[in-house]
Amino acid sequence: MENYRPITKATADRFLQLLKTKGPQSAAMLAAALQITGEGARLQLLKLAEEGLVMSATTTKGVGRPVQIWNLTAKGHAHFPDTHAEFSLQLIETIRQELGEAALEKVVAARERLQQEKYTLALQGITDLSEKLEQFAAMRSSEGYLAEWRAEEDSFIFVENHCPICNAATQCANICKSELNTFSHILGEGVEVTRTSHIIDGDRRCVYKISVTKEIVQL
């Protein structure tokens, strides 16, 4: 421990973001990604564990030695902000109590329209689906969703590793429905969007499968 250097906020953020975006990782995997030594990674992880941000579990694969896998704790997940969480919850509850559920649905629908207008304007002129997903992921990441995408054999996968409106969405299910509507709207006709993993349902991240219909493929 004589050569241990205190963990800095920048270093801690890099560890936490990797665990948030990539899921459970071994110290060796984190060390490789961050280009540091395995021992250095383990020492940093122990410090983060002391702060209650990460936890470890030992797994065994095949006949090899047990491997210690690290993951975020609830406190670690909370390190990534839920944008204006308390205010949003208060606002939702106030609208529900004072104006009723129908009024809350109108507010969510209005937000959906504004979101769609913003994204549509930003993506205007982009016809290639890969380029559109690249730009859309960049926009969502700037809003706190830690978004990324990849192409698969017959579809695309769009991943949001964090939900900055999670608390609000938990209290108002229509927000998540609205988000899915927005995805379908901005990606255009001939594209089917299905949510396959959902943070609200206890999954680590929200995952969307984007399938191109036969009509588009034939064009």
Foldseek 3Di string as FASTA:
>chain_A
DVPQDDDDPVNVVLVLVCCLVVNKDFLVVSCVVVVHDSVNSVVVVVVCVVVVFKDWDWDDDDPDDITIIMHGDPVNLVVQAQPVAVVLVVVLVCCCVPPNPVVSLVVLVVVLVVLLVVLLVVCPPPDDLVVSLVVVQVVVVVVRQNWDKDDDDFWIKIWRSHHSNLNNCLVPVVNVVSVLVSVDNNSDPQKDKDWPDDVSVPDRIIMIIIGGHPVVVVD
